[in-house]
PDB file of N, CA and C in Angstrom:
ATOM      1  N   MET A   1       0.788  -1.197  -0.025  1.00  0.00           N
ATOM      2  CA  MET A   1       0.032  -0.005  -0.006  1.00  0.00           C
ATOM      3  C   MET A   1       0.841   1.271   0.019  1.00  0.00           C
ATOM      4  N   ALA A   2       2.082   1.202   0.594  1.00  0.00           N
ATOM      5  CA  ALA A   2       2.942   2.429   0.702  1.00  0.00           C
ATOM      6  C   ALA A   2       3.205   2.916  -0.734  1.00  0.00           C
ATOM      7  N   LYS A   3       3.464   2.016  -1.705  1.00  0.00           N
ATOM      8  CA  LYS A   3       3.850   2.320  -3.076  1.00  0.00           C
ATOM      9  C   LYS A   3       2.797   3.132  -3.587  1.00  0.00           C
ATOM     10  N   GLU A   4       1.508   2.472  -3.490  1.00  0.00           N
ATOM     11  CA  GLU A   4       0.419   3.147  -4.199  1.00  0.00           C
ATOM     12  C   GLU A   4       0.152   4.523  -3.753  1.00  0.00           C
ATOM     13  N   ALA A   5       0.330   4.849  -2.318  1.00  0.00           N
ATOM     14  CA  ALA A   5       0.197   6.040  -1.875  1.00  0.00           C
ATOM     15  C   ALA A   5       1.210   7.099  -2.417  1.00  0.00           C
ATOM     16  N   THR A   6       2.425   6.652  -2.513  1.00  0.00           N
ATOM     17  CA  THR A   6       3.556   7.481  -3.092  1.00  0.00           C
ATOM     18  C   THR A   6       3.199   7.869  -4.467  1.00  0.00           C
ATOM     19  N   ALA A   7       2.876   6.888  -5.350  1.00  0.00           N
ATOM     20  CA  ALA A   7       2.600   7.135  -6.701  1.00  0.00           C
ATOM     21  C   ALA A   7       1.444   8.147  -6.868  1.00  0.00           C
ATOM     22  N   SER A   8       0.461   8.201  -6.129  1.00  0.00           N
ATOM     23  CA  SER A   8      -0.658   8.992  -6.438  1.00  0.00           C
ATOM     24  C   SER A   8      -0.460  10.383  -5.870  1.00  0.00           C
ATOM     25  N   LYS A   9       0.729  10.620  -5.025  1.00  0.00           N
ATOM     26  CA  LYS A   9       0.937  11.991  -4.544  1.00  0.00           C
ATOM     27  C   LYS A   9       1.578  12.951  -5.538  1.00  0.00           C
ATOM     28  N   GLY A  10       1.915  12.541  -6.643  1.00  0.00           N
ATOM     29  CA  GLY A  10       2.715  13.346  -7.587  1.00  0.00           C
ATOM     30  C   GLY A  10       3.195  12.743  -8.701  1.00  0.00           C
ATOM     31  N   GLY A  11       4.164  11.779  -8.398  1.00  0.00           N
ATOM     32  CA  GLY A  11       4.896  11.142  -9.547  1.00  0.00           C
ATOM     33  C   GLY A  11       5.706  12.154 -10.440  1.00  0.00           C
ATOM     34  N   ALA A  12       6.000  11.635 -11.601  1.00  0.00           N
ATOM     35  CA  ALA A  12       6.882  12.348 -12.542  1.00  0.00           C
ATOM     36  C   ALA A  12       6.052  13.550 -13.198  1.00  0.00           C
ATOM     37  N   ARG A  13       6.579  14.679 -13.384  1.00  0.00           N
ATOM     38  CA  ARG A  13       6.012  15.684 -14.034  1.00  0.00           C
ATOM     39  C   ARG A  13       6.559  15.840 -15.489  1.00  0.00           C
ATOM     40  N   GLY A  14       5.775  16.103 -16.382  1.00  0.00           N
ATOM     41  CA  GLY A  14       6.302  15.967 -17.689  1.00  0.00           C
ATOM     42  C   GLY A  14       5.503  16.837 -18.684  1.00  0.00           C
ATOM     43  N   GLY A  15       5.785  16.913 -19.857  1.00  0.00           N
ATOM     44  CA  GLY A  15       5.116  17.669 -20.875  1.00  0.00           C
ATOM     45  C   GLY A  15       5.101  19.153 -20.603  1.00  0.00           C
ATOM     46  N   ILE A  16       3.831  19.649 -20.571  1.00  0.00           N
ATOM     47  CA  ILE A  16       3.575  21.090 -20.522  1.00  0.00           C
ATOM     48  C   ILE A  16       3.978  21.672 -19.184  1.00  0.00           C
ATOM     49  N   ALA A  17       4.057  20.885 -18.091  1.00  0.00           N
ATOM     50  CA  ALA A  17       4.342  21.330 -16.695  1.00  0.00           C
ATOM     51  C   ALA A  17       5.922  21.373 -16.411  1.00  0.00           C
ATOM     52  N   THR A  18       6.641  20.679 -17.311  1.00  0.00           N
ATOM     53  CA  THR A  18       8.124  20.511 -17.109  1.00  0.00           C
ATOM     54  C   THR A  18       8.758  21.992 -17.321  1.00  0.00           C
ATOM     55  N   PRO A  19       9.622  22.448 -16.317  1.00  0.00           N
ATOM     56  CA  PRO A  19      10.193  23.770 -16.464  1.00  0.00           C
ATOM     57  C   PRO A  19      11.193  23.688 -17.698  1.00  0.00           C
ATOM     58  N   VAL A  20      11.084  24.731 -18.478  1.00  0.00           N
ATOM     59  CA  VAL A  20      12.055  24.882 -19.582  1.00  0.00           C
ATOM     60  C   VAL A  20      12.726  26.180 -19.562  1.00  0.00           C
ATOM     61  N   THR A  21      14.022  26.429 -20.202  1.00  0.00           N
ATOM     62  CA  THR A  21      14.720  27.638 -20.093  1.00  0.00           C
ATOM     63  C   THR A  21      14.520  28.235 -21.493  1.00  0.00           C
ATOM     64  N   PRO A  22      14.124  29.599 -21.498  1.00  0.00           N
ATOM     65  CA  PRO A  22      14.020  30.297 -22.755  1.00  0.00           C
ATOM     66  C   PRO A  22      15.343  30.766 -23.284  1.00  0.00           C
ATOM     67  N   SER A  23      15.387  30.872 -24.650  1.00  0.00           N
ATOM     68  CA  SER A  23      16.552  31.324 -25.238  1.00  0.00           C
ATOM     69  C   SER A  23      16.749  32.951 -24.770  1.00  0.00           C
ATOM     70  N   PRO A  24      17.794  33.594 -25.108  1.00  0.00           N
ATOM     71  CA  PRO A  24      17.995  35.009 -24.810  1.00  0.00           C
ATOM     72  C   PRO A  24      16.937  35.812 -25.480  1.00  0.00           C
ATOM     73  N   GLU A  25      16.432  35.547 -26.816  1.00  0.00           N
ATOM     74  CA  GLU A  25      15.452  36.178 -27.462  1.00  0.00           C
ATOM     75  C   GLU A  25      14.071  36.127 -26.780  1.00  0.00           C
ATOM     76  N   LEU A  26      13.798  34.872 -26.395  1.00  0.00           N
ATOM     77  CA  LEU A  26      12.500  34.625 -25.776  1.00  0.00           C
ATOM     78  C   LEU A  26      12.508  35.252 -24.407  1.00  0.00           C
ATOM     79  N   ALA A  27      13.552  35.210 -23.747  1.00  0.00           N
ATOM     80  CA  ALA A  27      13.692  35.781 -22.346  1.00  0.00           C
ATOM     81  C   ALA A  27      13.463  37.228 -22.309  1.00  0.00           C
ATOM     82  N   GLU A  28      13.705  38.046 -23.465  1.00  0.00           N
ATOM     83  CA  GLU A  28      13.273  39.433 -23.480  1.00  0.00           C
ATOM     84  C   GLU A  28      11.855  39.564 -23.257  1.00  0.00           C
ATOM     85  N   ILE A  29      11.123  38.558 -23.495  1.00  0.00           N
ATOM     86  CA  ILE A  29       9.600  38.645 -23.384  1.00  0.00           C
ATOM     87  C   ILE A  29       9.131  37.894 -22.085  1.00  0.00           C
ATOM     88  N   VAL A  30       9.532  36.746 -21.804  1.00  0.00           N
ATOM     89  CA  VAL A  30       9.041  35.943 -20.713  1.00  0.00           C
ATOM     90  C   VAL A  30       9.852  35.953 -19.425  1.00  0.00           C
ATOM     91  N   GLY A  31      10.983  36.369 -19.509  1.00  0.00           N
ATOM     92  CA  GLY A  31      11.925  36.469 -18.397  1.00  0.00           C
ATOM     93  C   GLY A  31      12.968  35.188 -18.480  1.00  0.00           C
ATOM     94  N   LYS A  32      14.028  35.424 -17.857  1.00  0.00           N
ATOM     95  CA  LYS A  32      15.227  34.403 -17.893  1.00  0.00           C
ATOM     96  C   LYS A  32      15.044  33.119 -17.204  1.00  0.00           C
ATOM     97  N   GLY A  33      14.366  33.060 -16.045  1.00  0.00           N
ATOM     98  CA  GLY A  33      14.264  31.789 -15.287  1.00  0.00           C
ATOM     99  C   GLY A  33      13.439  30.622 -15.997  1.00  0.00           C
ATOM    100  N   PRO A  34      13.732  29.428 -15.565  1.00  0.00           N
ATOM    101  CA  PRO A  34      12.994  28.328 -16.018  1.00  0.00           C
ATOM    102  C   PRO A  34      11.542  28.497 -15.738  1.00  0.00           C
ATOM    103  N   LEU A  35      10.653  28.131 -16.741  1.00  0.00           N
ATOM    104  CA  LEU A  35       9.223  28.242 -16.545  1.00  0.00           C
ATOM    105  C   LEU A  35       8.512  27.038 -17.112  1.00  0.00           C
ATOM    106  N   PRO A  36       7.414  26.623 -16.642  1.00  0.00           N
ATOM    107  CA  PRO A  36       6.647  25.561 -17.371  1.00  0.00           C
ATOM    108  C   PRO A  36       6.261  26.093 -18.804  1.00  0.00           C
ATOM    109  N   ARG A  37       6.252  25.166 -19.857  1.00  0.00           N
ATOM    110  CA  ARG A  37       5.836  25.614 -21.158  1.00  0.00           C
ATOM    111  C   ARG A  37       4.491  26.378 -21.161  1.00  0.00           C
ATOM    112  N   SER A  38       3.661  26.058 -20.371  1.00  0.00           N
ATOM    113  CA  SER A  38       2.222  26.582 -20.281  1.00  0.00           C
ATOM    114  C   SER A  38       2.419  28.129 -19.806  1.00  0.00           C
ATOM    115  N   GLU A  39       3.272  28.299 -18.900  1.00  0.00           N
ATOM    116  CA  GLU A  39       3.597  29.697 -18.528  1.00  0.00           C
ATOM    117  C   GLU A  39       4.280  30.426 -19.561  1.00  0.00           C
ATOM    118  N   VAL A  40       5.072  29.969 -20.310  1.00  0.00           N
ATOM    119  CA  VAL A  40       5.775  30.694 -21.488  1.00  0.00           C
ATOM    120  C   VAL A  40       4.666  31.122 -22.529  1.00  0.00           C
ATOM    121  N   VAL A  41       3.788  30.151 -22.835  1.00  0.00           N
ATOM    122  CA  VAL A  41       2.724  30.458 -23.789  1.00  0.00           C
ATOM    123  C   VAL A  41       1.776  31.447 -23.295  1.00  0.00           C
ATOM    124  N   SER A  42       1.439  31.415 -21.958  1.00  0.00           N
ATOM    125  CA  SER A  42       0.653  32.422 -21.368  1.00  0.00           C
ATOM    126  C   SER A  42       1.322  33.842 -21.434  1.00  0.00           C
ATOM    127  N   LYS A  43       2.564  33.901 -21.096  1.00  0.00           N
ATOM    128  CA  LYS A  43       3.252  35.214 -21.136  1.00  0.00           C
ATOM    129  C   LYS A  43       3.353  35.782 -22.518  1.00  0.00           C
ATOM    130  N   ILE A  44       3.501  34.874 -23.555  1.00  0.00           N
ATOM    131  CA  ILE A  44       3.612  35.347 -24.909  1.00  0.00           C
ATOM    132  C   ILE A  44       2.214  35.952 -25.350  1.00  0.00           C
ATOM    133  N   TRP A  45       1.076  35.256 -24.893  1.00  0.00           N
ATOM    134  CA  TRP A  45      -0.228  35.765 -25.169  1.00  0.00           C
ATOM    135  C   TRP A  45      -0.412  37.143 -24.427  1.00  0.00           C
ATOM    136  N   GLU A  46       0.028  37.340 -23.261  1.00  0.00           N
ATOM    137  CA  GLU A  46      -0.040  38.641 -22.482  1.00  0.00           C
ATOM    138  C   GLU A  46       0.636  39.728 -23.426  1.00  0.00           C
ATOM    139  N   TYR A  47       1.909  39.373 -23.857  1.00  0.00           N
ATOM    140  CA  TYR A  47       2.585  40.275 -24.593  1.00  0.00           C
ATOM    141  C   TYR A  47       1.910  40.703 -25.837  1.00  0.00           C
ATOM    142  N   ILE A  48       1.348  39.661 -26.619  1.00  0.00           N
ATOM    143  CA  ILE A  48       0.617  39.923 -27.795  1.00  0.00           C
ATOM    144  C   ILE A  48      -0.538  40.825 -27.615  1.00  0.00           C
ATOM    145  N   LYS A  49      -1.267  40.609 -26.584  1.00  0.00           N
ATOM    146  CA  LYS A  49      -2.399  41.307 -26.218  1.00  0.00           C
ATOM    147  C   LYS A  49      -2.148  42.783 -25.813  1.00  0.00           C
ATOM    148  N   LYS A  50      -1.069  42.895 -24.979  1.00  0.00           N
ATOM    149  CA  LYS A  50      -0.661  44.225 -24.344  1.00  0.00           C
ATOM    150  C   LYS A  50      -0.146  45.070 -25.518  1.00  0.00           C
ATOM    151  N   HIS A  51       0.576  44.526 -26.558  1.00  0.00           N
ATOM    152  CA  HIS A  51       1.030  45.274 -27.660  1.00  0.00           C
ATOM    153  C   HIS A  51       0.231  45.261 -28.956  1.00  0.00           C
ATOM    154  N   ASP A  52      -1.121  44.789 -28.783  1.00  0.00           N
ATOM    155  CA  ASP A  52      -2.094  44.806 -29.837  1.00  0.00           C
ATOM    156  C   ASP A  52      -1.392  44.177 -31.200  1.00  0.00           C
ATOM    157  N   LEU A  53      -0.944  42.891 -30.963  1.00  0.00           N
ATOM    158  CA  LEU A  53      -0.299  42.324 -32.220  1.00  0.00           C
ATOM    159  C   LEU A  53      -1.027  41.347 -32.959  1.00  0.00           C
ATOM    160  N   GLN A  54      -2.275  41.202 -32.611  1.00  0.00           N
ATOM    161  CA  GLN A  54      -3.261  40.385 -33.409  1.00  0.00           C
ATOM    162  C   GLN A  54      -3.713  41.112 -34.651  1.00  0.00           C
ATOM    163  N   ASN A  55      -3.825  40.442 -35.726  1.00  0.00           N
ATOM    164  CA  ASN A  55      -4.487  41.161 -36.917  1.00  0.00           C
ATOM    165  C   ASN A  55      -5.960  41.330 -36.543  1.00  0.00           C
ATOM    166  N   PRO A  56      -6.379  42.623 -36.744  1.00  0.00           N
ATOM    167  CA  PRO A  56      -7.747  42.901 -36.385  1.00  0.00           C
ATOM    168  C   PRO A  56      -8.814  42.225 -37.244  1.00  0.00           C
ATOM    169  N   GLN A  57      -8.474  41.914 -38.625  1.00  0.00           N
ATOM    170  CA  GLN A  57      -9.339  41.173 -39.547  1.00  0.00           C
ATOM    171  C   GLN A  57      -9.320  39.602 -39.249  1.00  0.00           C
ATOM    172  N   ASP A  58      -8.137  39.068 -38.729  1.00  0.00           N
ATOM    173  CA  ASP A  58      -8.072  37.791 -38.425  1.00  0.00           C
ATOM    174  C   ASP A  58      -7.203  37.533 -37.227  1.00  0.00           C
ATOM    175  N   LYS A  59      -7.989  37.483 -36.046  1.00  0.00           N
ATOM    176  CA  LYS A  59      -7.430  37.312 -34.790  1.00  0.00           C
ATOM    177  C   LYS A  59      -6.562  36.061 -34.655  1.00  0.00           C
ATOM    178  N   ARG A  60      -6.497  35.124 -35.454  1.00  0.00           N
ATOM    179  CA  ARG A  60      -5.627  33.870 -35.503  1.00  0.00           C
ATOM    180  C   ARG A  60      -4.237  34.234 -35.869  1.00  0.00           C
ATOM    181  N   GLU A  61      -4.107  35.373 -36.528  1.00  0.00           N
ATOM    182  CA  GLU A  61      -2.819  35.734 -37.036  1.00  0.00           C
ATOM    183  C   GLU A  61      -2.084  36.794 -36.213  1.00  0.00           C
ATOM    184  N   ILE A  62      -0.892  36.649 -35.926  1.00  0.00           N
ATOM    185  CA  ILE A  62      -0.032  37.294 -35.007  1.00  0.00           C
ATOM    186  C   ILE A  62       0.890  38.173 -35.881  1.00  0.00           C
ATOM    187  N   LEU A  63       0.884  39.534 -35.793  1.00  0.00           N
ATOM    188  CA  LEU A  63       1.732  40.440 -36.445  1.00  0.00           C
ATOM    189  C   LEU A  63       2.889  40.815 -35.593  1.00  0.00           C
ATOM    190  N   ALA A  64       4.134  40.168 -36.005  1.00  0.00           N
ATOM    191  CA  ALA A  64       5.308  40.244 -35.081  1.00  0.00           C
ATOM    192  C   ALA A  64       5.842  41.654 -35.121  1.00  0.00           C
ATOM    193  N   ASP A  65       6.237  41.929 -33.616  1.00  0.00           N
ATOM    194  CA  ASP A  65       7.124  43.279 -33.717  1.00  0.00           C
ATOM    195  C   ASP A  65       8.514  42.744 -33.794  1.00  0.00           C
ATOM    196  N   ASP A  66       9.404  43.648 -33.426  1.00  0.00           N
ATOM    197  CA  ASP A  66      10.884  43.273 -33.545  1.00  0.00           C
ATOM    198  C   ASP A  66      11.249  42.015 -32.607  1.00  0.00           C
ATOM    199  N   LYS A  67      10.750  41.986 -31.411  1.00  0.00           N
ATOM    200  CA  LYS A  67      11.079  41.021 -30.426  1.00  0.00           C
ATOM    201  C   LYS A  67      10.463  39.616 -30.838  1.00  0.00           C
ATOM    202  N   LEU A  68       9.218  39.714 -31.358  1.00  0.00           N
ATOM    203  CA  LEU A  68       8.635  38.455 -31.792  1.00  0.00           C
ATOM    204  C   LEU A  68       9.095  37.925 -33.267  1.00  0.00           C
ATOM    205  N   GLU A  69       9.546  38.879 -33.959  1.00  0.00           N
ATOM    206  CA  GLU A  69      10.091  38.473 -35.265  1.00  0.00           C
ATOM    207  C   GLU A  69      11.543  37.664 -35.085  1.00  0.00           C
ATOM    208  N   LYS A  70      12.095  37.915 -34.033  1.00  0.00           N
ATOM    209  CA  LYS A  70      13.374  37.064 -33.572  1.00  0.00           C
ATOM    210  C   LYS A  70      12.930  35.709 -33.405  1.00  0.00           C
ATOM    211  N   ILE A  71      11.775  35.437 -32.730  1.00  0.00           N
ATOM    212  CA  ILE A  71      11.497  34.184 -32.374  1.00  0.00           C
ATOM    213  C   ILE A  71      10.584  33.444 -33.590  1.00  0.00           C
ATOM    214  N   PHE A  72       9.791  34.121 -34.303  1.00  0.00           N
ATOM    215  CA  PHE A  72       9.055  33.523 -35.379  1.00  0.00           C
ATOM    216  C   PHE A  72       9.941  33.340 -36.616  1.00  0.00           C
ATOM    217  N   GLY A  73      10.923  34.266 -36.737  1.00  0.00           N
ATOM    218  CA  GLY A  73      11.614  34.233 -37.980  1.00  0.00           C
ATOM    219  C   GLY A  73      10.887  34.941 -39.210  1.00  0.00           C
ATOM    220  N   LYS A  74       9.876  35.554 -38.892  1.00  0.00           N
ATOM    221  CA  LYS A  74       9.121  36.274 -40.027  1.00  0.00           C
ATOM    222  C   LYS A  74       8.098  37.282 -39.291  1.00  0.00           C
ATOM    223  N   LYS A  75       7.519  38.111 -40.247  1.00  0.00           N
ATOM    224  CA  LYS A  75       6.647  39.181 -39.762  1.00  0.00           C
ATOM    225  C   LYS A  75       5.298  38.782 -39.261  1.00  0.00           C
ATOM    226  N   LYS A  76       4.842  37.707 -39.713  1.00  0.00           N
ATOM    227  CA  LYS A  76       3.435  37.091 -39.322  1.00  0.00           C
ATOM    228  C   LYS A  76       3.504  35.640 -38.985  1.00  0.00           C
ATOM    229  N   ALA A  77       2.727  35.256 -38.066  1.00  0.00           N
ATOM    230  CA  ALA A  77       2.662  33.675 -37.881  1.00  0.00           C
ATOM    231  C   ALA A  77       1.200  33.552 -37.284  1.00  0.00           C
ATOM    232  N   SER A  78       0.690  32.374 -37.618  1.00  0.00           N
ATOM    233  CA  SER A  78      -0.608  32.038 -37.119  1.00  0.00           C
ATOM    234  C   SER A  78      -0.449  31.556 -35.672  1.00  0.00           C
ATOM    235  N   MET A  79      -1.547  31.646 -34.887  1.00  0.00           N
ATOM    236  CA  MET A  79      -1.412  31.196 -33.393  1.00  0.00           C
ATOM    237  C   MET A  79      -1.178  29.638 -33.474  1.00  0.00           C
ATOM    238  N   PHE A  80      -1.444  28.990 -34.569  1.00  0.00           N
ATOM    239  CA  PHE A  80      -1.313  27.474 -34.589  1.00  0.00           C
ATOM    240  C   PHE A  80       0.243  27.193 -34.790  1.00  0.00           C
ATOM    241  N   GLU A  81       1.024  28.090 -35.521  1.00  0.00           N
ATOM    242  CA  GLU A  81       2.466  27.972 -35.850  1.00  0.00           C
ATOM    243  C   GLU A  81       3.312  28.449 -34.592  1.00  0.00           C
ATOM    244  N   MET A  82       2.789  29.254 -33.693  1.00  0.00           N
ATOM    245  CA  MET A  82       3.425  29.905 -32.522  1.00  0.00           C
ATOM    246  C   MET A  82       4.073  28.779 -31.786  1.00  0.00           C
ATOM    247  N   ASN A  83       3.434  27.746 -31.325  1.00  0.00           N
ATOM    248  CA  ASN A  83       4.040  26.749 -30.451  1.00  0.00           C
ATOM    249  C   ASN A  83       5.356  26.138 -31.145  1.00  0.00           C
ATOM    250  N   LYS A  84       5.182  25.923 -32.457  1.00  0.00           N
ATOM    251  CA  LYS A  84       6.341  25.340 -33.147  1.00  0.00           C
ATOM    252  C   LYS A  84       7.456  26.346 -32.985  1.00  0.00           C
ATOM    253  N   HIS A  85       7.253  27.574 -33.306  1.00  0.00           N
ATOM    254  CA  HIS A  85       8.469  28.571 -33.166  1.00  0.00           C
ATOM    255  C   HIS A  85       8.964  28.698 -31.775  1.00  0.00           C
ATOM    256  N   LEU A  86       8.029  28.632 -30.856  1.00  0.00           N
ATOM    257  CA  LEU A  86       8.561  28.742 -29.471  1.00  0.00           C
ATOM    258  C   LEU A  86       9.447  27.521 -29.020  1.00  0.00           C
ATOM    259  N   SER A  87       9.093  26.322 -29.546  1.00  0.00           N
ATOM    260  CA  SER A  87       9.805  25.153 -29.207  1.00  0.00           C
ATOM    261  C   SER A  87      11.231  25.324 -29.651  1.00  0.00           C
ATOM    262  N   ALA A  88      11.528  25.968 -30.668  1.00  0.00           N
ATOM    263  CA  ALA A  88      12.946  26.142 -31.104  1.00  0.00           C
ATOM    264  C   ALA A  88      13.751  27.003 -30.158  1.00  0.00           C
ATOM    265  N   HIS A  89      13.051  27.768 -29.320  1.00  0.00           N
ATOM    266  CA  HIS A  89      13.595  28.775 -28.388  1.00  0.00           C
ATOM    267  C   HIS A  89      13.507  28.244 -26.876  1.00  0.00           C
ATOM    268  N   LEU A  90      13.220  26.984 -26.663  1.00  0.00           N
ATOM    269  CA  LEU A  90      13.043  26.342 -25.292  1.00  0.00           C
ATOM    270  C   LEU A  90      14.065  25.179 -25.073  1.00  0.00           C
ATOM    271  N   LYS A  91      14.795  25.170 -23.963  1.00  0.00           N
ATOM    272  CA  LYS A  91      15.668  24.009 -23.743  1.00  0.00           C
ATOM    273  C   LYS A  91      15.113  23.210 -22.375  1.00  0.00           C
TER     274      LYS A  91
END
């Protein structure tokens, strides 16, 4: 029974909850410390909304400013592409 109790208390954390370290370019937006991937995505969305970077005609499209262009590698990216671009900047 002791093993069952231990396993149900937490176990391994993985996937979106695992802390990741952002690249220097991404750290300009989300900060330097290790963060869970979910927090990185949340902070990117805060930044996008704060700086009004969504295309008004198509909210799924992100219009990159200078900081986001370093991450996306281009001036525009869909919100669906965003996670792919972020992955390249996370260790």
